[in-house]
Amino acid sequence: MEYYNYLKSLHLIFVITWFAGLFYIPRLFVYQIEASQKPSPDKEILGEQLKLMAKRLWFIITWPSAILATIFAILLLIAQPVWLQQGWMHVKLTFVVLLFAYHFKTHHIFKQLQNDVVKWTSSQMRLWNEGSTLILFSVVFLVILKNSINWIFGVVGIFVLAIMLMLGFKIYKRYRTKKNEE
């Protein structure tokens, strides 16, 4: 069973790098959206550089990490099939499905911005950036606590965190608006 710890380690490493990509790519999108509103030549120079950065992050780090994290997760489930009978794993897999939905929607946004199609505001993208954080918190609580009552408190905590993030976002937006008016 020595290979199990290697599988678990590799799974965790690629989950971390996957989330690193999911945390940073929306931030690059914010910069791309804001660059698209600048006058020439800044708009073109910044736009092209940010597209290149996003493309490298997305295809060199984020996508390969998502695929490798999934492969190692499947291998872990093959090594420990009993997990599929546990309630916490069903909930975790639901969050993994949400994570993939988030990933695919982010890919859709990536393709739009690569084609200079801007449909989101920078404020909306800042809010979108919190989606992966909420999923990460939920999964970590589930995996560590496993006990149904404990992870329920953890997930409730996630929603409290989400509300706090949104309030913080609104406060920061007001602060930026006020600062720009001065």
C-alpha atoms as a PDB file:
ATOM      1  CA  MET A   1       0.000   0.000   0.000  1.00  0.00           C
ATOM      2  CA  GLU A   2       3.093   2.255  -0.176  1.00  0.00           C
ATOM      3  CA  TYR A   3       1.983   3.521  -3.591  1.00  0.00           C
ATOM      4  CA  TYR A   4      -1.173   4.947  -1.975  1.00  0.00           C
ATOM      5  CA  ASN A   5       0.780   7.742  -0.251  1.00  0.00           C
ATOM      6  CA  TYR A   6       2.486   8.595  -3.553  1.00  0.00           C
ATOM      7  CA  LEU A   7      -0.889   8.788  -5.298  1.00  0.00           C
ATOM      8  CA  LYS A   8      -2.291  10.936  -2.504  1.00  0.00           C
ATOM      9  CA  SER A   9       0.741  13.258  -2.591  1.00  0.00           C
ATOM     10  CA  LEU A  10       0.573  13.665  -6.364  1.00  0.00           C
ATOM     11  CA  HIS A  11      -3.176  14.262  -6.216  1.00  0.00           C
ATOM     12  CA  LEU A  12      -2.697  16.962  -3.601  1.00  0.00           C
ATOM     13  CA  ILE A  13       0.158  18.637  -5.510  1.00  0.00           C
ATOM     14  CA  PHE A  14      -1.912  18.876  -8.688  1.00  0.00           C
ATOM     15  CA  VAL A  15      -5.013  20.054  -6.811  1.00  0.00           C
ATOM     16  CA  ILE A  16      -2.884  22.854  -5.343  1.00  0.00           C
ATOM     17  CA  THR A  17      -1.474  23.875  -8.742  1.00  0.00           C
ATOM     18  CA  TRP A  18      -4.947  23.622 -10.301  1.00  0.00           C
ATOM     19  CA  PHE A  19      -6.353  25.982  -7.694  1.00  0.00           C
ATOM     20  CA  ALA A  20      -3.360  28.299  -8.083  1.00  0.00           C
ATOM     21  CA  GLY A  21      -4.312  28.636 -11.753  1.00  0.00           C
ATOM     22  CA  LEU A  22      -8.002  29.083 -10.922  1.00  0.00           C
ATOM     23  CA  PHE A  23      -7.154  31.762  -8.363  1.00  0.00           C
ATOM     24  CA  TYR A  24      -4.881  33.730 -10.693  1.00  0.00           C
ATOM     25  CA  ILE A  25      -6.610  33.492 -14.081  1.00  0.00           C
ATOM     26  CA  PRO A  26      -9.646  35.618 -13.084  1.00  0.00           C
ATOM     27  CA  ARG A  27      -7.212  38.217 -11.744  1.00  0.00           C
ATOM     28  CA  LEU A  28      -5.586  38.324 -15.189  1.00  0.00           C
ATOM     29  CA  PHE A  29      -9.082  38.645 -16.655  1.00  0.00           C
ATOM     30  CA  VAL A  30      -9.691  41.689 -14.431  1.00  0.00           C
ATOM     31  CA  TYR A  31      -6.521  43.265 -15.807  1.00  0.00           C
ATOM     32  CA  GLN A  32      -7.508  42.364 -19.398  1.00  0.00           C
ATOM     33  CA  ILE A  33     -10.947  43.903 -18.948  1.00  0.00           C
ATOM     34  CA  GLU A  34      -9.465  47.065 -17.466  1.00  0.00           C
ATOM     35  CA  ALA A  35      -6.794  47.221 -20.202  1.00  0.00           C
ATOM     36  CA  SER A  36      -9.523  47.020 -22.872  1.00  0.00           C
ATOM     37  CA  GLN A  37     -10.852  50.344 -21.572  1.00  0.00           C
ATOM     38  CA  LYS A  38      -7.528  52.188 -21.790  1.00  0.00           C
ATOM     39  CA  PRO A  39      -6.588  54.481 -24.692  1.00  0.00           C
ATOM     40  CA  SER A  40      -4.185  53.379 -27.418  1.00  0.00           C
ATOM     41  CA  PRO A  41      -1.373  52.294 -27.411  1.00  0.00           C
ATOM     42  CA  ASP A  42      -1.729  51.078 -23.779  1.00  0.00           C
ATOM     43  CA  LYS A  43      -4.830  49.089 -24.690  1.00  0.00           C
ATOM     44  CA  GLU A  44      -3.022  47.076 -27.365  1.00  0.00           C
ATOM     45  CA  ILE A  45       0.284  46.641 -25.537  1.00  0.00           C
ATOM     46  CA  LEU A  46      -1.265  45.593 -22.234  1.00  0.00           C
ATOM     47  CA  GLY A  47      -3.960  43.537 -23.948  1.00  0.00           C
ATOM     48  CA  GLU A  48      -1.492  41.421 -25.906  1.00  0.00           C
ATOM     49  CA  GLN A  49       0.799  40.875 -22.915  1.00  0.00           C
ATOM     50  CA  LEU A  50      -2.098  39.886 -20.647  1.00  0.00           C
ATOM     51  CA  LYS A  51      -3.485  37.512 -23.291  1.00  0.00           C
ATOM     52  CA  LEU A  52      -0.103  35.804 -23.506  1.00  0.00           C
ATOM     53  CA  MET A  53       0.170  35.526 -19.719  1.00  0.00           C
ATOM     54  CA  ALA A  54      -3.358  34.103 -19.469  1.00  0.00           C
ATOM     55  CA  LYS A  55      -2.721  31.619 -22.293  1.00  0.00           C
ATOM     56  CA  ARG A  56       0.460  30.315 -20.677  1.00  0.00           C
ATOM     57  CA  LEU A  57      -1.142  30.061 -17.242  1.00  0.00           C
ATOM     58  CA  TRP A  58      -4.236  28.331 -18.602  1.00  0.00           C
ATOM     59  CA  PHE A  59      -2.600  25.788 -20.894  1.00  0.00           C
ATOM     60  CA  ILE A  60       0.738  25.174 -19.150  1.00  0.00           C
ATOM     61  CA  ILE A  61      -0.413  25.108 -15.508  1.00  0.00           C
ATOM     62  CA  THR A  62      -4.178  25.089 -15.001  1.00  0.00           C
ATOM     63  CA  TRP A  63      -5.450  22.576 -17.567  1.00  0.00           C
ATOM     64  CA  PRO A  64      -2.627  20.030 -17.073  1.00  0.00           C
ATOM     65  CA  SER A  65      -3.065  20.301 -13.295  1.00  0.00           C
ATOM     66  CA  ALA A  66      -6.827  19.713 -13.571  1.00  0.00           C
ATOM     67  CA  ILE A  67      -6.260  16.622 -15.721  1.00  0.00           C
ATOM     68  CA  LEU A  68      -3.504  15.197 -13.500  1.00  0.00           C
ATOM     69  CA  ALA A  69      -5.454  15.907 -10.275  1.00  0.00           C
ATOM     70  CA  THR A  70      -8.391  14.017 -11.790  1.00  0.00           C
ATOM     71  CA  ILE A  71      -6.256  11.067 -12.905  1.00  0.00           C
ATOM     72  CA  PHE A  72      -4.708  10.720  -9.449  1.00  0.00           C
ATOM     73  CA  ALA A  73      -8.142  11.089  -7.819  1.00  0.00           C
ATOM     74  CA  ILE A  74      -9.467   8.220  -9.923  1.00  0.00           C
ATOM     75  CA  LEU A  75      -6.451   6.101  -9.008  1.00  0.00           C
ATOM     76  CA  LEU A  76      -7.060   6.889  -5.317  1.00  0.00           C
ATOM     77  CA  LEU A  77     -10.686   5.813  -5.645  1.00  0.00           C
ATOM     78  CA  ILE A  78      -9.584   2.582  -7.333  1.00  0.00           C
ATOM     79  CA  ALA A  79      -7.153   1.999  -4.448  1.00  0.00           C
ATOM     80  CA  GLN A  80      -9.841   2.831  -1.836  1.00  0.00           C
ATOM     81  CA  PRO A  81     -13.228   1.928  -3.385  1.00  0.00           C
ATOM     82  CA  VAL A  82     -14.844   1.942   0.076  1.00  0.00           C
ATOM     83  CA  TRP A  83     -14.766   5.765  -0.029  1.00  0.00           C
ATOM     84  CA  LEU A  84     -17.487   5.683  -2.652  1.00  0.00           C
ATOM     85  CA  GLN A  85     -19.834   4.272  -0.014  1.00  0.00           C
ATOM     86  CA  GLN A  86     -19.295   7.179   2.382  1.00  0.00           C
ATOM     87  CA  GLY A  87     -21.595  10.203   2.450  1.00  0.00           C
ATOM     88  CA  TRP A  88     -18.820  12.771   2.735  1.00  0.00           C
ATOM     89  CA  MET A  89     -17.305  11.474  -0.516  1.00  0.00           C
ATOM     90  CA  HIS A  90     -20.629  11.909  -2.331  1.00  0.00           C
ATOM     91  CA  VAL A  91     -20.751  15.524  -1.181  1.00  0.00           C
ATOM     92  CA  LYS A  92     -17.084  16.041  -2.099  1.00  0.00           C
ATOM     93  CA  LEU A  93     -17.687  14.658  -5.583  1.00  0.00           C
ATOM     94  CA  THR A  94     -20.618  17.075  -5.931  1.00  0.00           C
ATOM     95  CA  PHE A  95     -18.228  19.929  -5.155  1.00  0.00           C
ATOM     96  CA  VAL A  96     -15.761  18.490  -7.674  1.00  0.00           C
ATOM     97  CA  VAL A  97     -18.508  18.613 -10.314  1.00  0.00           C
ATOM     98  CA  LEU A  98     -19.102  22.266  -9.338  1.00  0.00           C
ATOM     99  CA  LEU A  99     -15.352  22.866  -9.618  1.00  0.00           C
ATOM    100  CA  PHE A 100     -15.334  21.484 -13.148  1.00  0.00           C
ATOM    101  CA  ALA A 101     -18.367  23.631 -14.032  1.00  0.00           C
ATOM    102  CA  TYR A 102     -16.445  26.641 -12.685  1.00  0.00           C
ATOM    103  CA  HIS A 103     -13.359  25.564 -14.654  1.00  0.00           C
ATOM    104  CA  PHE A 104     -15.309  25.170 -17.923  1.00  0.00           C
ATOM    105  CA  LYS A 105     -17.080  28.519 -17.490  1.00  0.00           C
ATOM    106  CA  THR A 106     -13.695  30.117 -16.782  1.00  0.00           C
ATOM    107  CA  HIS A 107     -12.401  28.509 -19.990  1.00  0.00           C
ATOM    108  CA  HIS A 108     -15.338  30.044 -21.857  1.00  0.00           C
ATOM    109  CA  ILE A 109     -14.450  33.481 -20.434  1.00  0.00           C
ATOM    110  CA  PHE A 110     -10.791  32.858 -21.333  1.00  0.00           C
ATOM    111  CA  LYS A 111     -11.716  32.160 -24.981  1.00  0.00           C
ATOM    112  CA  GLN A 112     -13.870  35.284 -25.155  1.00  0.00           C
ATOM    113  CA  LEU A 113     -11.110  37.512 -23.800  1.00  0.00           C
ATOM    114  CA  GLN A 114      -8.541  35.927 -26.116  1.00  0.00           C
ATOM    115  CA  ASN A 115     -10.828  37.061 -28.968  1.00  0.00           C
ATOM    116  CA  ASP A 116     -11.224  40.556 -27.468  1.00  0.00           C
ATOM    117  CA  VAL A 117     -14.835  39.909 -26.517  1.00  0.00           C
ATOM    118  CA  VAL A 118     -15.447  41.600 -23.174  1.00  0.00           C
ATOM    119  CA  LYS A 119     -18.805  40.664 -21.633  1.00  0.00           C
ATOM    120  CA  TRP A 120     -17.887  41.021 -17.955  1.00  0.00           C
ATOM    121  CA  THR A 121     -17.029  44.086 -15.929  1.00  0.00           C
ATOM    122  CA  SER A 122     -13.907  44.036 -13.783  1.00  0.00           C
ATOM    123  CA  SER A 123     -16.190  44.115 -10.711  1.00  0.00           C
ATOM    124  CA  GLN A 124     -18.095  41.049 -11.892  1.00  0.00           C
ATOM    125  CA  MET A 125     -14.808  39.265 -12.564  1.00  0.00           C
ATOM    126  CA  ARG A 126     -13.541  40.094  -9.076  1.00  0.00           C
ATOM    127  CA  LEU A 127     -16.663  38.454  -7.688  1.00  0.00           C
ATOM    128  CA  TRP A 128     -16.259  35.467 -10.040  1.00  0.00           C
ATOM    129  CA  ASN A 129     -12.739  35.050  -8.649  1.00  0.00           C
ATOM    130  CA  GLU A 130     -14.226  34.035  -5.268  1.00  0.00           C
ATOM    131  CA  GLY A 131     -16.010  30.970  -6.693  1.00  0.00           C
ATOM    132  CA  SER A 132     -12.961  28.726  -6.570  1.00  0.00           C
ATOM    133  CA  THR A 133     -12.208  29.894  -3.020  1.00  0.00           C
ATOM    134  CA  LEU A 134     -15.633  28.777  -1.831  1.00  0.00           C
ATOM    135  CA  ILE A 135     -15.253  25.390  -3.491  1.00  0.00           C
ATOM    136  CA  LEU A 136     -11.783  24.931  -2.002  1.00  0.00           C
ATOM    137  CA  PHE A 137     -13.001  25.720   1.522  1.00  0.00           C
ATOM    138  CA  SER A 138     -15.910  23.296   1.130  1.00  0.00           C
ATOM    139  CA  VAL A 139     -13.739  20.435  -0.105  1.00  0.00           C
ATOM    140  CA  VAL A 140     -11.050  20.932   2.552  1.00  0.00           C
ATOM    141  CA  PHE A 141     -13.630  20.924   5.348  1.00  0.00           C
ATOM    142  CA  LEU A 142     -15.228  17.786   3.925  1.00  0.00           C
ATOM    143  CA  VAL A 143     -11.981  15.875   3.476  1.00  0.00           C
ATOM    144  CA  ILE A 144     -10.548  16.803   6.862  1.00  0.00           C
ATOM    145  CA  LEU A 145     -13.682  16.572   9.017  1.00  0.00           C
ATOM    146  CA  LYS A 146     -15.600  13.780   7.246  1.00  0.00           C
ATOM    147  CA  ASN A 147     -18.111  13.697  10.119  1.00  0.00           C
ATOM    148  CA  SER A 148     -21.444  14.825   8.724  1.00  0.00           C
ATOM    149  CA  ILE A 149     -22.259  17.306  11.493  1.00  0.00           C
ATOM    150  CA  ASN A 150     -18.780  18.851  11.414  1.00  0.00           C
ATOM    151  CA  TRP A 151     -18.703  19.311   7.663  1.00  0.00           C
ATOM    152  CA  ILE A 152     -22.207  20.798   7.716  1.00  0.00           C
ATOM    153  CA  PHE A 153     -20.869  23.454  10.110  1.00  0.00           C
ATOM    154  CA  GLY A 154     -17.917  23.841   7.776  1.00  0.00           C
ATOM    155  CA  VAL A 155     -20.146  24.365   4.741  1.00  0.00           C
ATOM    156  CA  VAL A 156     -22.336  26.819   6.704  1.00  0.00           C
ATOM    157  CA  GLY A 157     -19.075  28.588   7.525  1.00  0.00           C
ATOM    158  CA  ILE A 158     -18.372  28.728   3.793  1.00  0.00           C
ATOM    159  CA  PHE A 159     -21.600  30.578   3.161  1.00  0.00           C
ATOM    160  CA  VAL A 160     -20.816  32.971   6.007  1.00  0.00           C
ATOM    161  CA  LEU A 161     -17.399  33.473   4.397  1.00  0.00           C
ATOM    162  CA  ALA A 162     -19.084  34.111   1.038  1.00  0.00           C
ATOM    163  CA  ILE A 163     -21.314  36.760   2.570  1.00  0.00           C
ATOM    164  CA  MET A 164     -18.294  38.362   4.268  1.00  0.00           C
ATOM    165  CA  LEU A 165     -16.374  38.310   0.963  1.00  0.00           C
ATOM    166  CA  MET A 166     -19.267  39.978  -0.856  1.00  0.00           C
ATOM    167  CA  LEU A 167     -19.577  42.629   1.845  1.00  0.00           C
ATOM    168  CA  GLY A 168     -15.822  43.190   1.734  1.00  0.00           C
ATOM    169  CA  PHE A 169     -16.017  43.422  -2.051  1.00  0.00           C
ATOM    170  CA  LYS A 170     -18.757  46.076  -1.860  1.00  0.00           C
ATOM    171  CA  ILE A 171     -16.864  48.066   0.776  1.00  0.00           C
ATOM    172  CA  TYR A 172     -13.683  47.923  -1.313  1.00  0.00           C
ATOM    173  CA  LYS A 173     -15.613  48.958  -4.441  1.00  0.00           C
ATOM    174  CA  ARG A 174     -17.035  51.986  -2.611  1.00  0.00           C
ATOM    175  CA  TYR A 175     -13.556  52.841  -1.342  1.00  0.00           C
ATOM    176  CA  ARG A 176     -12.083  52.639  -4.881  1.00  0.00           C
ATOM    177  CA  THR A 177     -14.917  54.720  -6.322  1.00  0.00           C
ATOM    178  CA  LYS A 178     -14.494  57.347  -3.613  1.00  0.00           C
ATOM    179  CA  LYS A 179     -10.701  57.349  -4.084  1.00  0.00           C
ATOM    180  CA  ASN A 180     -11.065  57.818  -7.877  1.00  0.00           C
ATOM    181  CA  GLU A 181     -13.454  60.749  -7.373  1.00  0.00           C
ATOM    182  CA  GLU A 182     -10.942  62.615  -5.199  1.00  0.00           C
END
